């Protein structure tokens, strides 16, 4: 018996079984953590590089318009809690400084506050010019 009140689906999903192969392109770039080859993938927020050793290595990198990796900006001071390196990250509320020891160390600092001298440091790229 057919339910005549139920809508009939006339739009087919755009899922292509070969799509997974189209999204994976091996590159010459090496993973910064395990030295495996990186794969150019496409995701919700655009293209990115992912480690080919996934799931053993979950390293990813953003890419620029040319497909070259964009490495995170390094912060000059170490983490005040664990002593590991700090990097500048982007979140939904803007830039912030985070510890590279995440998830063991969850220390973050606001980028603007640190930039204005709240923690006594300035970003690596900002340099005072001699007068």
N, C-alpha and C. Protein backbone atom coordinates (compact mmCIF):
# COMPACT_ATOMS: atom_id res chain seq x y z
N UNK A 1 0.83 -1.17 0.00
CA UNK A 1 0.00 0.00 0.00
C UNK A 1 0.89 1.25 0.00
N UNK A 2 0.61 2.20 -0.85
CA UNK A 2 1.39 3.41 -1.00
C UNK A 2 0.70 4.53 -0.23
N UNK A 3 1.46 5.24 0.56
CA UNK A 3 0.93 6.37 1.32
C UNK A 3 0.93 7.58 0.41
N UNK A 4 -0.21 8.03 -0.02
CA UNK A 4 -0.32 9.14 -0.98
C UNK A 4 -0.12 10.50 -0.31
N UNK A 5 -0.08 10.55 1.02
CA UNK A 5 0.13 11.81 1.71
C UNK A 5 1.61 12.14 1.88
N UNK A 6 2.44 11.13 1.76
CA UNK A 6 3.88 11.35 1.92
C UNK A 6 4.44 12.03 0.68
N UNK A 7 5.34 13.00 0.84
CA UNK A 7 5.91 13.67 -0.33
C UNK A 7 6.83 12.74 -1.11
N UNK A 8 6.89 12.96 -2.39
CA UNK A 8 7.77 12.18 -3.24
C UNK A 8 9.06 12.97 -3.42
N UNK A 9 10.17 12.30 -3.20
CA UNK A 9 11.48 12.95 -3.33
C UNK A 9 11.85 12.99 -4.81
N UNK A 10 11.91 14.19 -5.36
CA UNK A 10 12.26 14.32 -6.77
C UNK A 10 13.67 14.88 -6.95
N UNK A 11 14.27 15.38 -5.87
CA UNK A 11 15.62 15.93 -5.93
C UNK A 11 16.58 14.88 -5.43
N UNK A 12 17.53 14.53 -6.26
CA UNK A 12 18.52 13.56 -5.83
C UNK A 12 19.70 14.27 -5.20
N UNK A 13 20.25 13.62 -4.24
CA UNK A 13 21.41 14.17 -3.56
C UNK A 13 22.57 14.27 -4.53
N UNK A 14 23.41 15.27 -4.35
CA UNK A 14 24.57 15.46 -5.21
C UNK A 14 25.75 14.61 -4.80
N UNK A 15 25.52 13.53 -4.09
CA UNK A 15 26.62 12.68 -3.65
C UNK A 15 27.12 11.84 -4.80
N UNK A 16 28.39 11.86 -5.00
CA UNK A 16 29.04 11.10 -6.06
C UNK A 16 29.94 10.07 -5.39
N UNK A 17 29.78 8.79 -5.70
CA UNK A 17 30.63 7.79 -5.04
C UNK A 17 32.11 7.97 -5.35
N UNK A 18 32.43 8.65 -6.45
CA UNK A 18 33.83 8.89 -6.81
C UNK A 18 34.36 10.21 -6.26
N UNK A 19 33.53 10.93 -5.53
CA UNK A 19 33.90 12.26 -5.03
C UNK A 19 35.11 12.19 -4.09
N UNK A 20 35.18 11.15 -3.27
CA UNK A 20 36.28 11.02 -2.32
C UNK A 20 37.62 10.98 -3.06
N UNK A 21 37.66 10.34 -4.22
CA UNK A 21 38.89 10.29 -4.98
C UNK A 21 39.24 11.64 -5.58
N UNK A 22 38.24 12.43 -5.95
CA UNK A 22 38.48 13.74 -6.54
C UNK A 22 39.06 14.73 -5.52
N UNK A 23 38.71 14.55 -4.25
CA UNK A 23 39.13 15.49 -3.22
C UNK A 23 40.53 15.22 -2.69
N UNK A 24 41.12 14.11 -3.05
CA UNK A 24 42.43 13.75 -2.51
C UNK A 24 43.48 13.89 -3.60
N UNK A 25 44.41 14.82 -3.39
CA UNK A 25 45.52 15.01 -4.32
C UNK A 25 46.82 14.98 -3.53
N UNK A 26 47.69 14.04 -3.82
CA UNK A 26 48.99 13.97 -3.15
C UNK A 26 49.82 15.18 -3.54
N UNK A 27 50.54 15.73 -2.58
CA UNK A 27 51.40 16.89 -2.83
C UNK A 27 52.84 16.55 -2.46
N UNK A 28 53.75 17.45 -2.78
CA UNK A 28 55.16 17.24 -2.44
C UNK A 28 55.47 17.68 -1.01
N UNK A 29 54.52 18.29 -0.33
CA UNK A 29 54.73 18.79 1.03
C UNK A 29 54.77 17.64 2.03
N UNK A 30 55.61 17.79 3.05
CA UNK A 30 55.76 16.78 4.10
C UNK A 30 55.05 17.22 5.37
N UNK A 31 54.53 16.26 6.11
CA UNK A 31 53.85 16.53 7.38
C UNK A 31 54.88 17.04 8.39
N UNK A 32 54.57 18.14 9.10
CA UNK A 32 55.53 18.65 10.08
C UNK A 32 55.70 17.75 11.30
N UNK A 33 54.76 16.84 11.55
CA UNK A 33 54.84 15.97 12.72
C UNK A 33 55.50 14.63 12.43
N UNK A 34 55.10 13.97 11.30
CA UNK A 34 55.59 12.61 11.05
C UNK A 34 56.35 12.46 9.73
N UNK A 35 56.50 13.53 8.94
CA UNK A 35 57.24 13.55 7.69
C UNK A 35 56.60 12.70 6.58
N UNK A 36 55.31 12.34 6.72
CA UNK A 36 54.59 11.65 5.64
C UNK A 36 54.16 12.68 4.61
N UNK A 37 53.73 12.20 3.44
CA UNK A 37 53.25 13.12 2.42
C UNK A 37 51.93 13.73 2.86
N UNK A 38 51.70 14.98 2.44
CA UNK A 38 50.44 15.66 2.74
C UNK A 38 49.51 15.52 1.53
N UNK A 39 48.20 15.49 1.81
CA UNK A 39 47.18 15.36 0.78
C UNK A 39 46.37 16.65 0.75
N UNK A 40 46.15 17.19 -0.45
CA UNK A 40 45.31 18.38 -0.60
C UNK A 40 43.86 17.91 -0.60
N UNK A 41 43.09 18.39 0.37
CA UNK A 41 41.70 17.99 0.53
C UNK A 41 40.81 19.21 0.50
N UNK A 42 39.54 19.00 0.34
CA UNK A 42 38.56 20.07 0.34
C UNK A 42 37.58 19.81 1.46
N UNK A 43 37.31 20.84 2.25
CA UNK A 43 36.40 20.69 3.38
C UNK A 43 35.39 21.81 3.43
N UNK A 44 34.71 21.91 4.52
CA UNK A 44 33.65 22.89 4.72
C UNK A 44 34.15 24.32 4.58
N UNK A 45 35.38 24.57 5.00
CA UNK A 45 35.94 25.93 4.97
C UNK A 45 36.94 26.12 3.85
N UNK A 46 36.95 25.25 2.87
CA UNK A 46 37.86 25.38 1.74
C UNK A 46 38.90 24.28 1.73
N UNK A 47 39.94 24.49 0.94
CA UNK A 47 40.98 23.48 0.79
C UNK A 47 41.97 23.55 1.95
N UNK A 48 42.56 22.38 2.25
CA UNK A 48 43.56 22.28 3.31
C UNK A 48 44.45 21.08 3.03
N UNK A 49 45.57 21.01 3.72
CA UNK A 49 46.48 19.87 3.61
C UNK A 49 46.28 18.97 4.82
N UNK A 50 46.18 17.67 4.58
CA UNK A 50 46.02 16.69 5.65
C UNK A 50 47.10 15.63 5.50
N UNK A 51 47.51 15.05 6.60
CA UNK A 51 48.55 14.04 6.60
C UNK A 51 48.02 12.75 5.98
N UNK A 52 48.84 12.11 5.15
CA UNK A 52 48.44 10.85 4.52
C UNK A 52 48.47 9.68 5.50
N UNK A 53 49.06 9.87 6.68
CA UNK A 53 49.12 8.81 7.69
C UNK A 53 47.91 8.80 8.61
N UNK A 54 46.85 9.54 8.25
CA UNK A 54 45.63 9.56 9.05
C UNK A 54 45.09 8.14 9.15
N UNK A 55 44.63 7.64 10.26
CA UNK A 55 44.30 8.26 11.53
C UNK A 55 45.43 8.26 12.56
N UNK A 56 46.60 7.70 12.21
CA UNK A 56 47.71 7.72 13.16
C UNK A 56 48.24 9.12 13.40
N UNK A 57 48.23 9.96 12.38
CA UNK A 57 48.66 11.36 12.50
C UNK A 57 47.52 12.23 11.99
N UNK A 58 47.05 13.14 12.80
CA UNK A 58 45.91 13.99 12.44
C UNK A 58 46.32 15.42 12.14
N UNK A 59 47.53 15.61 11.66
CA UNK A 59 48.06 16.93 11.37
C UNK A 59 47.40 17.53 10.13
N UNK A 60 47.03 18.80 10.21
CA UNK A 60 46.47 19.53 9.06
C UNK A 60 47.10 20.91 8.99
N UNK A 61 47.10 21.48 7.79
CA UNK A 61 47.61 22.83 7.57
C UNK A 61 46.68 23.56 6.62
N UNK A 62 46.51 24.84 6.85
CA UNK A 62 45.76 25.67 5.91
C UNK A 62 46.61 25.88 4.67
N UNK A 63 45.95 26.22 3.56
CA UNK A 63 46.67 26.51 2.33
C UNK A 63 46.26 27.88 1.81
N UNK A 64 47.17 28.51 1.05
CA UNK A 64 46.84 29.79 0.43
C UNK A 64 46.18 29.53 -0.93
N UNK A 65 45.96 30.56 -1.71
CA UNK A 65 45.28 30.43 -3.00
C UNK A 65 46.06 29.56 -3.98
N UNK A 66 47.38 29.48 -3.82
CA UNK A 66 48.21 28.68 -4.72
C UNK A 66 48.35 27.23 -4.27
N UNK A 67 47.77 26.89 -3.12
CA UNK A 67 47.87 25.53 -2.60
C UNK A 67 49.11 25.28 -1.77
N UNK A 68 49.83 26.35 -1.40
CA UNK A 68 51.02 26.21 -0.57
C UNK A 68 50.62 26.26 0.90
N UNK A 69 51.31 25.50 1.76
CA UNK A 69 50.93 25.48 3.18
C UNK A 69 51.17 26.81 3.87
N UNK A 70 50.26 27.14 4.77
CA UNK A 70 50.38 28.35 5.59
C UNK A 70 50.64 27.88 7.02
N UNK A 71 51.86 28.11 7.49
CA UNK A 71 52.22 27.67 8.83
C UNK A 71 51.76 28.69 9.86
N UNK A 72 51.38 28.24 11.07
CA UNK A 72 50.91 29.17 12.09
C UNK A 72 52.00 30.14 12.54
N UNK A 73 51.58 31.36 12.86
CA UNK A 73 52.50 32.39 13.35
C UNK A 73 52.98 32.01 14.75
N UNK A 74 54.29 32.04 14.97
CA UNK A 74 54.84 31.66 16.27
C UNK A 74 54.88 32.86 17.20
N UNK A 75 54.62 32.61 18.46
CA UNK A 75 54.65 33.64 19.50
C UNK A 75 56.01 33.61 20.15
N UNK A 76 56.61 34.75 20.46
CA UNK A 76 57.99 34.76 20.98
C UNK A 76 58.15 34.16 22.38
N UNK A 77 57.13 34.24 23.21
CA UNK A 77 57.25 33.74 24.59
C UNK A 77 56.68 32.33 24.71
N UNK A 78 57.27 31.50 25.57
CA UNK A 78 56.72 30.16 25.79
C UNK A 78 55.45 30.21 26.64
N UNK A 79 54.78 29.10 26.73
CA UNK A 79 53.56 28.99 27.53
C UNK A 79 53.91 29.22 29.00
N UNK A 80 53.16 30.08 29.70
CA UNK A 80 53.47 30.33 31.10
C UNK A 80 53.15 29.14 32.01
N UNK A 81 52.34 28.19 31.54
CA UNK A 81 51.98 27.05 32.38
C UNK A 81 52.87 25.83 32.17
N UNK A 82 53.16 25.49 30.88
CA UNK A 82 53.92 24.26 30.63
C UNK A 82 55.27 24.50 29.96
N UNK A 83 55.51 25.71 29.44
CA UNK A 83 56.79 26.03 28.84
C UNK A 83 56.92 25.68 27.36
N UNK A 84 55.87 25.10 26.76
CA UNK A 84 55.93 24.77 25.33
C UNK A 84 55.71 26.02 24.49
N UNK A 85 55.93 25.89 23.20
CA UNK A 85 55.78 27.00 22.27
C UNK A 85 54.32 27.45 22.15
N UNK A 86 54.12 28.75 21.96
CA UNK A 86 52.78 29.32 21.75
C UNK A 86 52.66 29.76 20.30
N UNK A 87 51.45 29.62 19.73
CA UNK A 87 51.19 30.04 18.35
C UNK A 87 49.93 30.89 18.30
N UNK A 88 49.82 31.69 17.24
CA UNK A 88 48.63 32.52 17.03
C UNK A 88 47.63 31.71 16.23
N UNK A 89 46.41 31.63 16.74
CA UNK A 89 45.35 30.87 16.09
C UNK A 89 44.18 31.80 15.79
N UNK A 90 43.26 31.33 14.97
CA UNK A 90 42.05 32.10 14.65
C UNK A 90 40.83 31.33 15.11
N UNK A 91 39.94 32.04 15.76
CA UNK A 91 38.69 31.46 16.21
C UNK A 91 37.53 32.31 15.73
N UNK A 92 36.34 31.96 16.16
CA UNK A 92 35.18 32.73 15.70
C UNK A 92 35.16 34.15 16.26
N UNK A 93 35.89 34.39 17.33
CA UNK A 93 35.94 35.75 17.91
C UNK A 93 37.23 36.47 17.54
N UNK A 94 37.97 35.96 16.59
CA UNK A 94 39.21 36.61 16.17
C UNK A 94 40.44 35.82 16.55
N UNK A 95 41.59 36.48 16.49
CA UNK A 95 42.87 35.83 16.77
C UNK A 95 43.10 35.69 18.27
N UNK A 96 43.81 34.62 18.63
CA UNK A 96 44.21 34.40 20.02
C UNK A 96 45.50 33.61 20.02
N UNK A 97 46.17 33.58 21.16
CA UNK A 97 47.43 32.88 21.32
C UNK A 97 47.15 31.60 22.10
N UNK A 98 47.62 30.46 21.57
CA UNK A 98 47.33 29.18 22.21
C UNK A 98 48.61 28.35 22.35
N UNK A 99 48.61 27.49 23.33
CA UNK A 99 49.75 26.60 23.59
C UNK A 99 49.73 25.45 22.58
N UNK A 100 50.92 25.05 22.11
CA UNK A 100 51.02 23.93 21.18
C UNK A 100 50.89 22.59 21.90
N UNK A 101 50.84 22.60 23.22
CA UNK A 101 50.69 21.38 24.00
C UNK A 101 49.26 20.93 24.18
N UNK A 102 48.32 21.54 23.43
CA UNK A 102 46.91 21.15 23.52
C UNK A 102 46.77 19.70 23.09
N UNK A 103 46.01 18.85 23.70
CA UNK A 103 44.99 19.05 24.72
C UNK A 103 45.49 18.92 26.16
N UNK A 104 46.77 18.56 26.37
CA UNK A 104 47.26 18.46 27.75
C UNK A 104 47.27 19.84 28.42
N UNK A 105 47.69 20.86 27.70
CA UNK A 105 47.72 22.23 28.23
C UNK A 105 46.74 23.07 27.43
N UNK A 106 45.78 23.66 28.07
CA UNK A 106 44.74 24.43 27.39
C UNK A 106 44.90 25.94 27.58
N UNK A 107 46.12 26.38 27.85
CA UNK A 107 46.38 27.80 28.09
C UNK A 107 46.20 28.62 26.82
N UNK A 108 45.40 29.68 26.91
CA UNK A 108 45.22 30.62 25.80
C UNK A 108 45.36 32.04 26.35
N UNK A 109 45.75 32.95 25.47
CA UNK A 109 45.84 34.36 25.80
C UNK A 109 45.12 35.16 24.72
N UNK A 110 44.46 36.23 25.07
CA UNK A 110 43.85 37.06 24.03
C UNK A 110 44.94 37.76 23.22
N UNK A 111 44.82 37.73 21.93
CA UNK A 111 45.83 38.30 21.03
C UNK A 111 45.93 39.80 21.20
N UNK A 112 44.81 40.48 21.25
CA UNK A 112 44.81 41.94 21.34
C UNK A 112 45.46 42.41 22.65
N UNK A 113 45.10 41.75 23.74
CA UNK A 113 45.65 42.13 25.04
C UNK A 113 47.16 41.92 25.05
N UNK A 114 47.62 40.80 24.51
CA UNK A 114 49.04 40.52 24.47
C UNK A 114 49.75 41.50 23.54
N UNK A 115 49.09 41.88 22.44
CA UNK A 115 49.68 42.80 21.48
C UNK A 115 49.86 44.19 22.09
N UNK A 116 48.91 44.59 22.95
CA UNK A 116 48.98 45.91 23.58
C UNK A 116 49.92 45.94 24.78
N UNK A 117 50.48 44.79 25.12
CA UNK A 117 51.43 44.76 26.22
C UNK A 117 50.85 44.20 27.49
N UNK A 118 49.69 43.54 27.43
CA UNK A 118 49.07 42.96 28.61
C UNK A 118 49.93 41.88 29.23
N UNK A 119 50.64 41.12 28.40
CA UNK A 119 51.52 40.08 28.94
C UNK A 119 52.99 40.47 28.78
N UNK A 120 53.23 41.67 28.25
CA UNK A 120 54.60 42.14 28.13
C UNK A 120 55.32 41.65 26.88
N UNK A 121 54.57 41.09 25.90
CA UNK A 121 55.20 40.61 24.68
C UNK A 121 54.48 41.17 23.47
N UNK A 122 55.11 41.07 22.32
CA UNK A 122 54.50 41.51 21.07
C UNK A 122 54.63 40.38 20.06
N UNK A 123 53.79 40.34 19.02
CA UNK A 123 53.90 39.28 18.02
C UNK A 123 55.25 39.32 17.32
N UNK A 124 55.66 38.20 16.76
CA UNK A 124 56.96 38.09 16.10
C UNK A 124 57.07 39.02 14.91
N UNK A 125 55.98 39.16 14.13
CA UNK A 125 56.02 39.95 12.91
C UNK A 125 56.05 41.45 13.16
N UNK A 126 55.62 41.89 14.33
CA UNK A 126 55.61 43.32 14.63
C UNK A 126 56.96 43.70 15.20
N UNK A 127 57.66 44.59 14.53
CA UNK A 127 58.98 45.02 15.00
C UNK A 127 59.02 46.53 15.06
N UNK A 128 59.61 47.06 16.12
CA UNK A 128 59.71 48.52 16.26
C UNK A 128 60.83 49.02 15.36
N UNK A 129 60.52 50.07 14.60
CA UNK A 129 61.52 50.63 13.71
C UNK A 129 62.35 51.67 14.46
N UNK A 130 63.65 51.69 14.26
CA UNK A 130 64.49 52.69 14.94
C UNK A 130 64.19 54.09 14.41
N UNK A 131 64.18 55.05 15.32
CA UNK A 131 63.87 56.44 14.91
C UNK A 131 65.11 57.26 14.81
